[in-house]
ModelCIF file with pLDDT and N, C-alpha, C, O atoms, coordinates in Angstrom:
data_MODEL
#
_entry.id   MODEL 
#
_entity.id                         1 
_entity.type                       polymer 
_entity.pdbx_number_of_molecules   1 
#
_entity_poly.entity_id                      1 
_entity_poly.type                           'polypeptide(L)' 
_entity_poly.nstd_linkage                   no 
_entity_poly.nstd_monomer                   no 
_entity_poly.pdbx_seq_one_letter_code       DYRRIQFTPDLMPSDIIGVNVFQKETSSFVFRKGPIFTQILLAD 
_entity_poly.pdbx_seq_one_letter_code_can   DYRRIQFTPDLMPSDIIGVNVFQKETSSFVFRKGPIFTQILLAD 
_entity_poly.pdbx_strand_id                 A 
#
loop_
_entity_poly_seq.entity_id 
_entity_poly_seq.num 
_entity_poly_seq.mon_id 
_entity_poly_seq.hetero 
1 1  ASP n 
1 2  TYR n 
1 3  ARG n 
1 4  ARG n 
1 5  ILE n 
1 6  GLN n 
1 7  PHE n 
1 8  THR n 
1 9  PRO n 
1 10 ASP n 
1 11 LEU n 
1 12 MET n 
1 13 PRO n 
1 14 SER n 
1 15 ASP n 
1 16 ILE n 
1 17 ILE n 
1 18 GLY n 
1 19 VAL n 
1 20 ASN n 
1 21 VAL n 
1 22 PHE n 
1 23 GLN n 
1 24 LYS n 
1 25 GLU n 
1 26 THR n 
1 27 SER n 
1 28 SER n 
1 29 PHE n 
1 30 VAL n 
1 31 PHE n 
1 32 ARG n 
1 33 LYS n 
1 34 GLY n 
1 35 PRO n 
1 36 ILE n 
1 37 PHE n 
1 38 THR n 
1 39 GLN n 
1 40 ILE n 
1 41 LEU n 
1 42 LEU n 
1 43 ALA n 
1 44 ASP n 
#
_struct_asym.id          A 
_struct_asym.entity_id   1 
#
loop_
_ma_qa_metric.id 
_ma_qa_metric.mode 
_ma_qa_metric.name 
_ma_qa_metric.software_group_id 
_ma_qa_metric.type 
1 global pLDDT . pLDDT 
2 local  pLDDT . pLDDT 
#
_ma_qa_metric_global.metric_id      1 
_ma_qa_metric_global.metric_value   89.73 
_ma_qa_metric_global.model_id       1 
_ma_qa_metric_global.ordinal_id     1 
#
loop_
_ma_qa_metric_local.label_asym_id 
_ma_qa_metric_local.label_comp_id 
_ma_qa_metric_local.label_seq_id 
_ma_qa_metric_local.metric_id 
_ma_qa_metric_local.metric_value 
_ma_qa_metric_local.model_id 
_ma_qa_metric_local.ordinal_id 
A ASP 1  2 94.00 1 1  
A TYR 2  2 94.00 1 2  
A ARG 3  2 94.00 1 3  
A ARG 4  2 94.00 1 4  
A ILE 5  2 94.00 1 5  
A GLN 6  2 93.00 1 6  
A PHE 7  2 92.00 1 7  
A THR 8  2 90.00 1 8  
A PRO 9  2 90.00 1 9  
A ASP 10 2 91.00 1 10 
A LEU 11 2 92.00 1 11 
A MET 12 2 92.00 1 12 
A PRO 13 2 91.00 1 13 
A SER 14 2 91.00 1 14 
A ASP 15 2 92.00 1 15 
A ILE 16 2 94.00 1 16 
A ILE 17 2 92.00 1 17 
A GLY 18 2 91.00 1 18 
A VAL 19 2 88.00 1 19 
A ASN 20 2 84.00 1 20 
A VAL 21 2 87.00 1 21 
A PHE 22 2 81.00 1 22 
A GLN 23 2 82.00 1 23 
A LYS 24 2 81.00 1 24 
A GLU 25 2 81.00 1 25 
A THR 26 2 80.00 1 26 
A SER 27 2 77.00 1 27 
A SER 28 2 81.00 1 28 
A PHE 29 2 81.00 1 29 
A VAL 30 2 85.00 1 30 
A PHE 31 2 85.00 1 31 
A ARG 32 2 89.00 1 32 
A LYS 33 2 90.00 1 33 
A GLY 34 2 92.00 1 34 
A PRO 35 2 94.00 1 35 
A ILE 36 2 94.00 1 36 
A PHE 37 2 95.00 1 37 
A THR 38 2 95.00 1 38 
A GLN 39 2 95.00 1 39 
A ILE 40 2 95.00 1 40 
A LEU 41 2 95.00 1 41 
A LEU 42 2 95.00 1 42 
A ALA 43 2 93.00 1 43 
A ASP 44 2 92.00 1 44 
#
loop_
_atom_site.group_PDB 
_atom_site.id 
_atom_site.type_symbol 
_atom_site.label_atom_id 
_atom_site.label_alt_id 
_atom_site.label_comp_id 
_atom_site.label_asym_id 
_atom_site.label_entity_id 
_atom_site.label_seq_id 
_atom_site.pdbx_PDB_ins_code 
_atom_site.Cartn_x 
_atom_site.Cartn_y 
_atom_site.Cartn_z 
_atom_site.occupancy 
_atom_site.B_iso_or_equiv 
_atom_site.pdbx_formal_charge 
_atom_site.auth_seq_id 
_atom_site.auth_comp_id 
_atom_site.auth_asym_id 
_atom_site.auth_atom_id 
_atom_site.pdbx_PDB_model_num 
ATOM 1   N N  . ASP A 1 1  ? 108.137 316.395 153.429 1.00 94.00 ? 1  ASP A N  1 
ATOM 2   C CA . ASP A 1 1  ? 107.943 316.586 151.996 1.00 94.00 ? 1  ASP A CA 1 
ATOM 3   C C  . ASP A 1 1  ? 106.642 315.911 151.567 1.00 94.00 ? 1  ASP A C  1 
ATOM 4   O O  . ASP A 1 1  ? 106.366 314.774 151.948 1.00 94.00 ? 1  ASP A O  1 
ATOM 5   N N  . TYR A 1 2  ? 105.845 316.629 150.766 1.00 94.00 ? 2  TYR A N  1 
ATOM 6   C CA . TYR A 1 2  ? 104.523 316.132 150.353 1.00 94.00 ? 2  TYR A CA 1 
ATOM 7   C C  . TYR A 1 2  ? 104.393 316.202 148.843 1.00 94.00 ? 2  TYR A C  1 
ATOM 8   O O  . TYR A 1 2  ? 104.745 317.210 148.230 1.00 94.00 ? 2  TYR A O  1 
ATOM 9   N N  . ARG A 1 3  ? 103.892 315.138 148.246 1.00 94.00 ? 3  ARG A N  1 
ATOM 10  C CA . ARG A 1 3  ? 103.596 315.117 146.814 1.00 94.00 ? 3  ARG A CA 1 
ATOM 11  C C  . ARG A 1 3  ? 102.206 314.536 146.593 1.00 94.00 ? 3  ARG A C  1 
ATOM 12  O O  . ARG A 1 3  ? 101.725 313.722 147.381 1.00 94.00 ? 3  ARG A O  1 
ATOM 13  N N  . ARG A 1 4  ? 101.579 314.964 145.521 1.00 94.00 ? 4  ARG A N  1 
ATOM 14  C CA . ARG A 1 4  ? 100.252 314.453 145.162 1.00 94.00 ? 4  ARG A CA 1 
ATOM 15  C C  . ARG A 1 4  ? 100.296 313.947 143.731 1.00 94.00 ? 4  ARG A C  1 
ATOM 16  O O  . ARG A 1 4  ? 100.796 314.631 142.838 1.00 94.00 ? 4  ARG A O  1 
ATOM 17  N N  . ILE A 1 5  ? 99.767  312.734 143.512 1.00 94.00 ? 5  ILE A N  1 
ATOM 18  C CA . ILE A 1 5  ? 99.667  312.168 142.168 1.00 94.00 ? 5  ILE A CA 1 
ATOM 19  C C  . ILE A 1 5  ? 98.188  311.980 141.854 1.00 94.00 ? 5  ILE A C  1 
ATOM 20  O O  . ILE A 1 5  ? 97.472  311.295 142.585 1.00 94.00 ? 5  ILE A O  1 
ATOM 21  N N  . GLN A 1 6  ? 97.737  312.589 140.766 1.00 93.00 ? 6  GLN A N  1 
ATOM 22  C CA . GLN A 1 6  ? 96.365  312.385 140.305 1.00 93.00 ? 6  GLN A CA 1 
ATOM 23  C C  . GLN A 1 6  ? 96.354  311.174 139.375 1.00 93.00 ? 6  GLN A C  1 
ATOM 24  O O  . GLN A 1 6  ? 96.865  311.238 138.257 1.00 93.00 ? 6  GLN A O  1 
ATOM 25  N N  . PHE A 1 7  ? 95.780  310.091 139.835 1.00 92.00 ? 7  PHE A N  1 
ATOM 26  C CA . PHE A 1 7  ? 95.783  308.860 139.040 1.00 92.00 ? 7  PHE A CA 1 
ATOM 27  C C  . PHE A 1 7  ? 94.725  308.945 137.937 1.00 92.00 ? 7  PHE A C  1 
ATOM 28  O O  . PHE A 1 7  ? 93.560  309.248 138.194 1.00 92.00 ? 7  PHE A O  1 
ATOM 29  N N  . THR A 1 8  ? 95.156  308.671 136.715 1.00 90.00 ? 8  THR A N  1 
ATOM 30  C CA . THR A 1 8  ? 94.289  308.707 135.540 1.00 90.00 ? 8  THR A CA 1 
ATOM 31  C C  . THR A 1 8  ? 94.558  307.454 134.705 1.00 90.00 ? 8  THR A C  1 
ATOM 32  O O  . THR A 1 8  ? 95.584  306.801 134.895 1.00 90.00 ? 8  THR A O  1 
ATOM 33  N N  . PRO A 1 9  ? 93.656  307.110 133.788 1.00 90.00 ? 9  PRO A N  1 
ATOM 34  C CA . PRO A 1 9  ? 93.845  305.883 132.990 1.00 90.00 ? 9  PRO A CA 1 
ATOM 35  C C  . PRO A 1 9  ? 95.135  305.856 132.178 1.00 90.00 ? 9  PRO A C  1 
ATOM 36  O O  . PRO A 1 9  ? 95.658  304.777 131.898 1.00 90.00 ? 9  PRO A O  1 
ATOM 37  N N  . ASP A 1 10 ? 95.669  307.037 131.788 1.00 91.00 ? 10 ASP A N  1 
ATOM 38  C CA . ASP A 1 10 ? 96.870  307.058 130.956 1.00 91.00 ? 10 ASP A CA 1 
ATOM 39  C C  . ASP A 1 10 ? 98.158  307.212 131.761 1.00 91.00 ? 10 ASP A C  1 
ATOM 40  O O  . ASP A 1 10 ? 99.234  307.359 131.180 1.00 91.00 ? 10 ASP A O  1 
ATOM 41  N N  . LEU A 1 11 ? 98.063  307.180 133.087 1.00 92.00 ? 11 LEU A N  1 
ATOM 42  C CA . LEU A 1 11 ? 99.259  307.302 133.920 1.00 92.00 ? 11 LEU A CA 1 
ATOM 43  C C  . LEU A 1 11 ? 100.123 306.046 133.788 1.00 92.00 ? 11 LEU A C  1 
ATOM 44  O O  . LEU A 1 11 ? 99.608  304.929 133.815 1.00 92.00 ? 11 LEU A O  1 
ATOM 45  N N  . MET A 1 12 ? 101.429 306.234 133.647 1.00 92.00 ? 12 MET A N  1 
ATOM 46  C CA . MET A 1 12 ? 102.361 305.127 133.480 1.00 92.00 ? 12 MET A CA 1 
ATOM 47  C C  . MET A 1 12 ? 103.208 304.948 134.744 1.00 92.00 ? 12 MET A C  1 
ATOM 48  O O  . MET A 1 12 ? 103.371 305.895 135.514 1.00 92.00 ? 12 MET A O  1 
ATOM 49  N N  . PRO A 1 13 ? 103.750 303.736 134.967 1.00 91.00 ? 13 PRO A N  1 
ATOM 50  C CA . PRO A 1 13 ? 104.621 303.529 136.137 1.00 91.00 ? 13 PRO A CA 1 
ATOM 51  C C  . PRO A 1 13 ? 105.782 304.519 136.202 1.00 91.00 ? 13 PRO A C  1 
ATOM 52  O O  . PRO A 1 13 ? 106.170 304.955 137.286 1.00 91.00 ? 13 PRO A O  1 
ATOM 53  N N  . SER A 1 14 ? 106.335 304.871 135.039 1.00 91.00 ? 14 SER A N  1 
ATOM 54  C CA . SER A 1 14 ? 107.454 305.814 135.022 1.00 91.00 ? 14 SER A CA 1 
ATOM 55  C C  . SER A 1 14 ? 107.044 307.203 135.504 1.00 91.00 ? 14 SER A C  1 
ATOM 56  O O  . SER A 1 14 ? 107.883 307.970 135.976 1.00 91.00 ? 14 SER A O  1 
ATOM 57  N N  . ASP A 1 15 ? 105.739 307.532 135.386 1.00 92.00 ? 15 ASP A N  1 
ATOM 58  C CA . ASP A 1 15 ? 105.255 308.817 135.887 1.00 92.00 ? 15 ASP A CA 1 
ATOM 59  C C  . ASP A 1 15 ? 105.279 308.866 137.411 1.00 92.00 ? 15 ASP A C  1 
ATOM 60  O O  . ASP A 1 15 ? 105.222 309.945 138.002 1.00 92.00 ? 15 ASP A O  1 
ATOM 61  N N  . ILE A 1 16 ? 105.362 307.706 138.043 1.00 94.00 ? 16 ILE A N  1 
ATOM 62  C CA . ILE A 1 16 ? 105.383 307.618 139.498 1.00 94.00 ? 16 ILE A CA 1 
ATOM 63  C C  . ILE A 1 16 ? 106.798 307.396 140.013 1.00 94.00 ? 16 ILE A C  1 
ATOM 64  O O  . ILE A 1 16 ? 107.263 308.090 140.916 1.00 94.00 ? 16 ILE A O  1 
ATOM 65  N N  . ILE A 1 17 ? 107.470 306.421 139.425 1.00 92.00 ? 17 ILE A N  1 
ATOM 66  C CA . ILE A 1 17 ? 108.795 306.027 139.907 1.00 92.00 ? 17 ILE A CA 1 
ATOM 67  C C  . ILE A 1 17 ? 109.887 306.943 139.381 1.00 92.00 ? 17 ILE A C  1 
ATOM 68  O O  . ILE A 1 17 ? 110.783 307.333 140.128 1.00 92.00 ? 17 ILE A O  1 
ATOM 69  N N  . GLY A 1 18 ? 109.821 307.288 138.106 1.00 91.00 ? 18 GLY A N  1 
ATOM 70  C CA . GLY A 1 18 ? 110.853 308.098 137.473 1.00 91.00 ? 18 GLY A CA 1 
ATOM 71  C C  . GLY A 1 18 ? 111.296 307.461 136.170 1.00 91.00 ? 18 GLY A C  1 
ATOM 72  O O  . GLY A 1 18 ? 110.791 306.407 135.783 1.00 91.00 ? 18 GLY A O  1 
ATOM 73  N N  . VAL A 1 19 ? 112.228 308.091 135.503 1.00 88.00 ? 19 VAL A N  1 
ATOM 74  C CA . VAL A 1 19 ? 112.628 307.618 134.184 1.00 88.00 ? 19 VAL A CA 1 
ATOM 75  C C  . VAL A 1 19 ? 114.106 307.949 133.945 1.00 88.00 ? 19 VAL A C  1 
ATOM 76  O O  . VAL A 1 19 ? 114.621 308.941 134.461 1.00 88.00 ? 19 VAL A O  1 
ATOM 77  N N  . ASN A 1 20 ? 114.773 307.112 133.162 1.00 84.00 ? 20 ASN A N  1 
ATOM 78  C CA . ASN A 1 20 ? 116.152 307.380 132.764 1.00 84.00 ? 20 ASN A CA 1 
ATOM 79  C C  . ASN A 1 20 ? 116.168 308.367 131.602 1.00 84.00 ? 20 ASN A C  1 
ATOM 80  O O  . ASN A 1 20 ? 115.531 308.135 130.574 1.00 84.00 ? 20 ASN A O  1 
ATOM 81  N N  . VAL A 1 21 ? 116.885 309.452 131.766 1.00 87.00 ? 21 VAL A N  1 
ATOM 82  C CA . VAL A 1 21 ? 116.967 310.498 130.755 1.00 87.00 ? 21 VAL A CA 1 
ATOM 83  C C  . VAL A 1 21 ? 118.389 310.535 130.173 1.00 87.00 ? 21 VAL A C  1 
ATOM 84  O O  . VAL A 1 21 ? 119.374 310.548 130.912 1.00 87.00 ? 21 VAL A O  1 
ATOM 85  N N  . PHE A 1 22 ? 118.474 310.550 128.855 1.00 81.00 ? 22 PHE A N  1 
ATOM 86  C CA . PHE A 1 22 ? 119.787 310.566 128.201 1.00 81.00 ? 22 PHE A CA 1 
ATOM 87  C C  . PHE A 1 22 ? 120.394 311.974 128.269 1.00 81.00 ? 22 PHE A C  1 
ATOM 88  O O  . PHE A 1 22 ? 119.768 312.960 127.879 1.00 81.00 ? 22 PHE A O  1 
ATOM 89  N N  . GLN A 1 23 ? 121.635 312.035 128.776 1.00 82.00 ? 23 GLN A N  1 
ATOM 90  C CA . GLN A 1 23 ? 122.366 313.297 128.855 1.00 82.00 ? 23 GLN A CA 1 
ATOM 91  C C  . GLN A 1 23 ? 123.363 313.368 127.690 1.00 82.00 ? 23 GLN A C  1 
ATOM 92  O O  . GLN A 1 23 ? 124.324 312.601 127.623 1.00 82.00 ? 23 GLN A O  1 
ATOM 93  N N  . LYS A 1 24 ? 123.106 314.304 126.783 1.00 81.00 ? 24 LYS A N  1 
ATOM 94  C CA . LYS A 1 24 ? 123.940 314.419 125.589 1.00 81.00 ? 24 LYS A CA 1 
ATOM 95  C C  . LYS A 1 24 ? 125.384 314.776 125.951 1.00 81.00 ? 24 LYS A C  1 
ATOM 96  O O  . LYS A 1 24 ? 126.325 314.316 125.303 1.00 81.00 ? 24 LYS A O  1 
ATOM 97  N N  . GLU A 1 25 ? 125.552 315.597 126.990 1.00 81.00 ? 25 GLU A N  1 
ATOM 98  C CA . GLU A 1 25 ? 126.892 316.057 127.358 1.00 81.00 ? 25 GLU A CA 1 
ATOM 99  C C  . GLU A 1 25 ? 127.785 314.913 127.806 1.00 81.00 ? 25 GLU A C  1 
ATOM 100 O O  . GLU A 1 25 ? 128.975 314.885 127.489 1.00 81.00 ? 25 GLU A O  1 
ATOM 101 N N  . THR A 1 26 ? 127.207 313.962 128.549 1.00 80.00 ? 26 THR A N  1 
ATOM 102 C CA . THR A 1 26 ? 128.003 312.857 129.084 1.00 80.00 ? 26 THR A CA 1 
ATOM 103 C C  . THR A 1 26 ? 127.775 311.542 128.336 1.00 80.00 ? 26 THR A C  1 
ATOM 104 O O  . THR A 1 26 ? 128.417 310.532 128.627 1.00 80.00 ? 26 THR A O  1 
ATOM 105 N N  . SER A 1 27 ? 126.854 311.568 127.370 1.00 77.00 ? 27 SER A N  1 
ATOM 106 C CA . SER A 1 27 ? 126.497 310.368 126.598 1.00 77.00 ? 27 SER A CA 1 
ATOM 107 C C  . SER A 1 27 ? 126.120 309.206 127.518 1.00 77.00 ? 27 SER A C  1 
ATOM 108 O O  . SER A 1 27 ? 126.509 308.059 127.295 1.00 77.00 ? 27 SER A O  1 
ATOM 109 N N  . SER A 1 28 ? 125.350 309.537 128.556 1.00 81.00 ? 28 SER A N  1 
ATOM 110 C CA . SER A 1 28 ? 124.924 308.513 129.510 1.00 81.00 ? 28 SER A CA 1 
ATOM 111 C C  . SER A 1 28 ? 123.506 308.833 129.973 1.00 81.00 ? 28 SER A C  1 
ATOM 112 O O  . SER A 1 28 ? 122.990 309.933 129.774 1.00 81.00 ? 28 SER A O  1 
ATOM 113 N N  . PHE A 1 29 ? 122.897 307.820 130.602 1.00 81.00 ? 29 PHE A N  1 
ATOM 114 C CA . PHE A 1 29 ? 121.558 308.001 131.124 1.00 81.00 ? 29 PHE A CA 1 
ATOM 115 C C  . PHE A 1 29 ? 121.615 308.387 132.610 1.00 81.00 ? 29 PHE A C  1 
ATOM 116 O O  . PHE A 1 29 ? 122.413 307.854 133.381 1.00 81.00 ? 29 PHE A O  1 
ATOM 117 N N  . VAL A 1 30 ? 120.759 309.309 132.975 1.00 85.00 ? 30 VAL A N  1 
ATOM 118 C CA . VAL A 1 30 ? 120.644 309.755 134.366 1.00 85.00 ? 30 VAL A CA 1 
ATOM 119 C C  . VAL A 1 30 ? 119.212 309.527 134.826 1.00 85.00 ? 30 VAL A C  1 
ATOM 120 O O  . VAL A 1 30 ? 118.263 309.881 134.127 1.00 85.00 ? 30 VAL A O  1 
ATOM 121 N N  . PHE A 1 31 ? 119.064 308.935 136.002 1.00 85.00 ? 31 PHE A N  1 
ATOM 122 C CA . PHE A 1 31 ? 117.731 308.648 136.520 1.00 85.00 ? 31 PHE A CA 1 
ATOM 123 C C  . PHE A 1 31 ? 117.109 309.911 137.114 1.00 85.00 ? 31 PHE A C  1 
ATOM 124 O O  . PHE A 1 31 ? 117.661 310.529 138.025 1.00 85.00 ? 31 PHE A O  1 
ATOM 125 N N  . ARG A 1 32 ? 115.961 310.270 136.581 1.00 89.00 ? 32 ARG A N  1 
ATOM 126 C CA . ARG A 1 32 ? 115.212 311.425 137.098 1.00 89.00 ? 32 ARG A CA 1 
ATOM 127 C C  . ARG A 1 32 ? 114.086 310.894 137.986 1.00 89.00 ? 32 ARG A C  1 
ATOM 128 O O  . ARG A 1 32 ? 113.161 310.237 137.507 1.00 89.00 ? 32 ARG A O  1 
ATOM 129 N N  . LYS A 1 33 ? 114.176 311.185 139.275 1.00 90.00 ? 33 LYS A N  1 
ATOM 130 C CA . LYS A 1 33 ? 113.240 310.637 140.252 1.00 90.00 ? 33 LYS A CA 1 
ATOM 131 C C  . LYS A 1 33 ? 111.816 311.148 140.047 1.00 90.00 ? 33 LYS A C  1 
ATOM 132 O O  . LYS A 1 33 ? 111.599 312.310 139.704 1.00 90.00 ? 33 LYS A O  1 
ATOM 133 N N  . GLY A 1 34 ? 110.856 310.257 140.264 1.00 92.00 ? 34 GLY A N  1 
ATOM 134 C CA . GLY A 1 34 ? 109.455 310.615 140.164 1.00 92.00 ? 34 GLY A CA 1 
ATOM 135 C C  . GLY A 1 34 ? 108.888 311.056 141.505 1.00 92.00 ? 34 GLY A C  1 
ATOM 136 O O  . GLY A 1 34 ? 109.619 311.124 142.493 1.00 92.00 ? 34 GLY A O  1 
ATOM 137 N N  . PRO A 1 35 ? 107.602 311.354 141.551 1.00 94.00 ? 35 PRO A N  1 
ATOM 138 C CA . PRO A 1 35 ? 106.987 311.889 142.767 1.00 94.00 ? 35 PRO A CA 1 
ATOM 139 C C  . PRO A 1 35 ? 106.914 310.904 143.928 1.00 94.00 ? 35 PRO A C  1 
ATOM 140 O O  . PRO A 1 35 ? 106.597 311.299 145.049 1.00 94.00 ? 35 PRO A O  1 
ATOM 141 N N  . ILE A 1 36 ? 107.205 309.618 143.676 1.00 94.00 ? 36 ILE A N  1 
ATOM 142 C CA . ILE A 1 36 ? 107.177 308.666 144.783 1.00 94.00 ? 36 ILE A CA 1 
ATOM 143 C C  . ILE A 1 36 ? 108.319 308.923 145.765 1.00 94.00 ? 36 ILE A C  1 
ATOM 144 O O  . ILE A 1 36 ? 108.286 308.448 146.900 1.00 94.00 ? 36 ILE A O  1 
ATOM 145 N N  . PHE A 1 37 ? 109.323 309.674 145.326 1.00 95.00 ? 37 PHE A N  1 
ATOM 146 C CA . PHE A 1 37 ? 110.449 310.011 146.195 1.00 95.00 ? 37 PHE A CA 1 
ATOM 147 C C  . PHE A 1 37 ? 110.064 311.200 147.066 1.00 95.00 ? 37 PHE A C  1 
ATOM 148 O O  . PHE A 1 37 ? 110.502 312.329 146.842 1.00 95.00 ? 37 PHE A O  1 
ATOM 149 N N  . THR A 1 38 ? 109.251 310.922 148.043 1.00 95.00 ? 38 THR A N  1 
ATOM 150 C CA . THR A 1 38 ? 108.764 311.923 148.978 1.00 95.00 ? 38 THR A CA 1 
ATOM 151 C C  . THR A 1 38 ? 108.572 311.232 150.314 1.00 95.00 ? 38 THR A C  1 
ATOM 152 O O  . THR A 1 38 ? 109.027 310.103 150.498 1.00 95.00 ? 38 THR A O  1 
ATOM 153 N N  . GLN A 1 39 ? 107.901 311.894 151.253 1.00 95.00 ? 39 GLN A N  1 
ATOM 154 C CA . GLN A 1 39 ? 107.643 311.284 152.559 1.00 95.00 ? 39 GLN A CA 1 
ATOM 155 C C  . GLN A 1 39 ? 106.149 311.050 152.791 1.00 95.00 ? 39 GLN A C  1 
ATOM 156 O O  . GLN A 1 39 ? 105.751 310.008 153.311 1.00 95.00 ? 39 GLN A O  1 
ATOM 157 N N  . ILE A 1 40 ? 105.345 312.008 152.409 1.00 95.00 ? 40 ILE A N  1 
ATOM 158 C CA . ILE A 1 40 ? 103.882 311.855 152.469 1.00 95.00 ? 40 ILE A CA 1 
ATOM 159 C C  . ILE A 1 40 ? 103.370 311.925 151.036 1.00 95.00 ? 40 ILE A C  1 
ATOM 160 O O  . ILE A 1 40 ? 103.437 312.972 150.392 1.00 95.00 ? 40 ILE A O  1 
ATOM 161 N N  . LEU A 1 41 ? 102.855 310.792 150.543 1.00 95.00 ? 41 LEU A N  1 
ATOM 162 C CA . LEU A 1 41 ? 102.394 310.713 149.155 1.00 95.00 ? 41 LEU A CA 1 
ATOM 163 C C  . LEU A 1 41 ? 100.883 310.539 149.120 1.00 95.00 ? 41 LEU A C  1 
ATOM 164 O O  . LEU A 1 41 ? 100.346 309.590 149.692 1.00 95.00 ? 41 LEU A O  1 
ATOM 165 N N  . LEU A 1 42 ? 100.202 311.455 148.448 1.00 95.00 ? 42 LEU A N  1 
ATOM 166 C CA . LEU A 1 42 ? 98.764  311.340 148.231 1.00 95.00 ? 42 LEU A CA 1 
ATOM 167 C C  . LEU A 1 42 ? 98.530  310.728 146.857 1.00 95.00 ? 42 LEU A C  1 
ATOM 168 O O  . LEU A 1 42 ? 98.809  311.353 145.834 1.00 95.00 ? 42 LEU A O  1 
ATOM 169 N N  . ALA A 1 43 ? 98.017  309.502 146.839 1.00 93.00 ? 43 ALA A N  1 
ATOM 170 C CA . ALA A 1 43 ? 97.662  308.822 145.595 1.00 93.00 ? 43 ALA A CA 1 
ATOM 171 C C  . ALA A 1 43 ? 96.168  309.038 145.373 1.00 93.00 ? 43 ALA A C  1 
ATOM 172 O O  . ALA A 1 43 ? 95.341  308.252 145.835 1.00 93.00 ? 43 ALA A O  1 
ATOM 173 N N  . ASP A 1 44 ? 95.833  310.109 144.663 1.00 92.00 ? 44 ASP A N  1 
ATOM 174 C CA . ASP A 1 44 ? 94.439  310.525 144.538 1.00 92.00 ? 44 ASP A CA 1 
ATOM 175 C C  . ASP A 1 44 ? 93.712  309.702 143.478 1.00 92.00 ? 44 ASP A C  1 
ATOM 176 O O  . ASP A 1 44 ? 92.524  309.916 143.238 1.00 92.00 ? 44 ASP A O  1 
#
């Protein structure tokens, strides 16, 4: 698995690692994985 991240001044840690997203149906937060969850990561 390969992912590429284009690093820019406005990039945030959550854009790499992931973020907790609120699910209205279950009234709970679910972690949505970021592009770091890969095997070969290009940090451009």
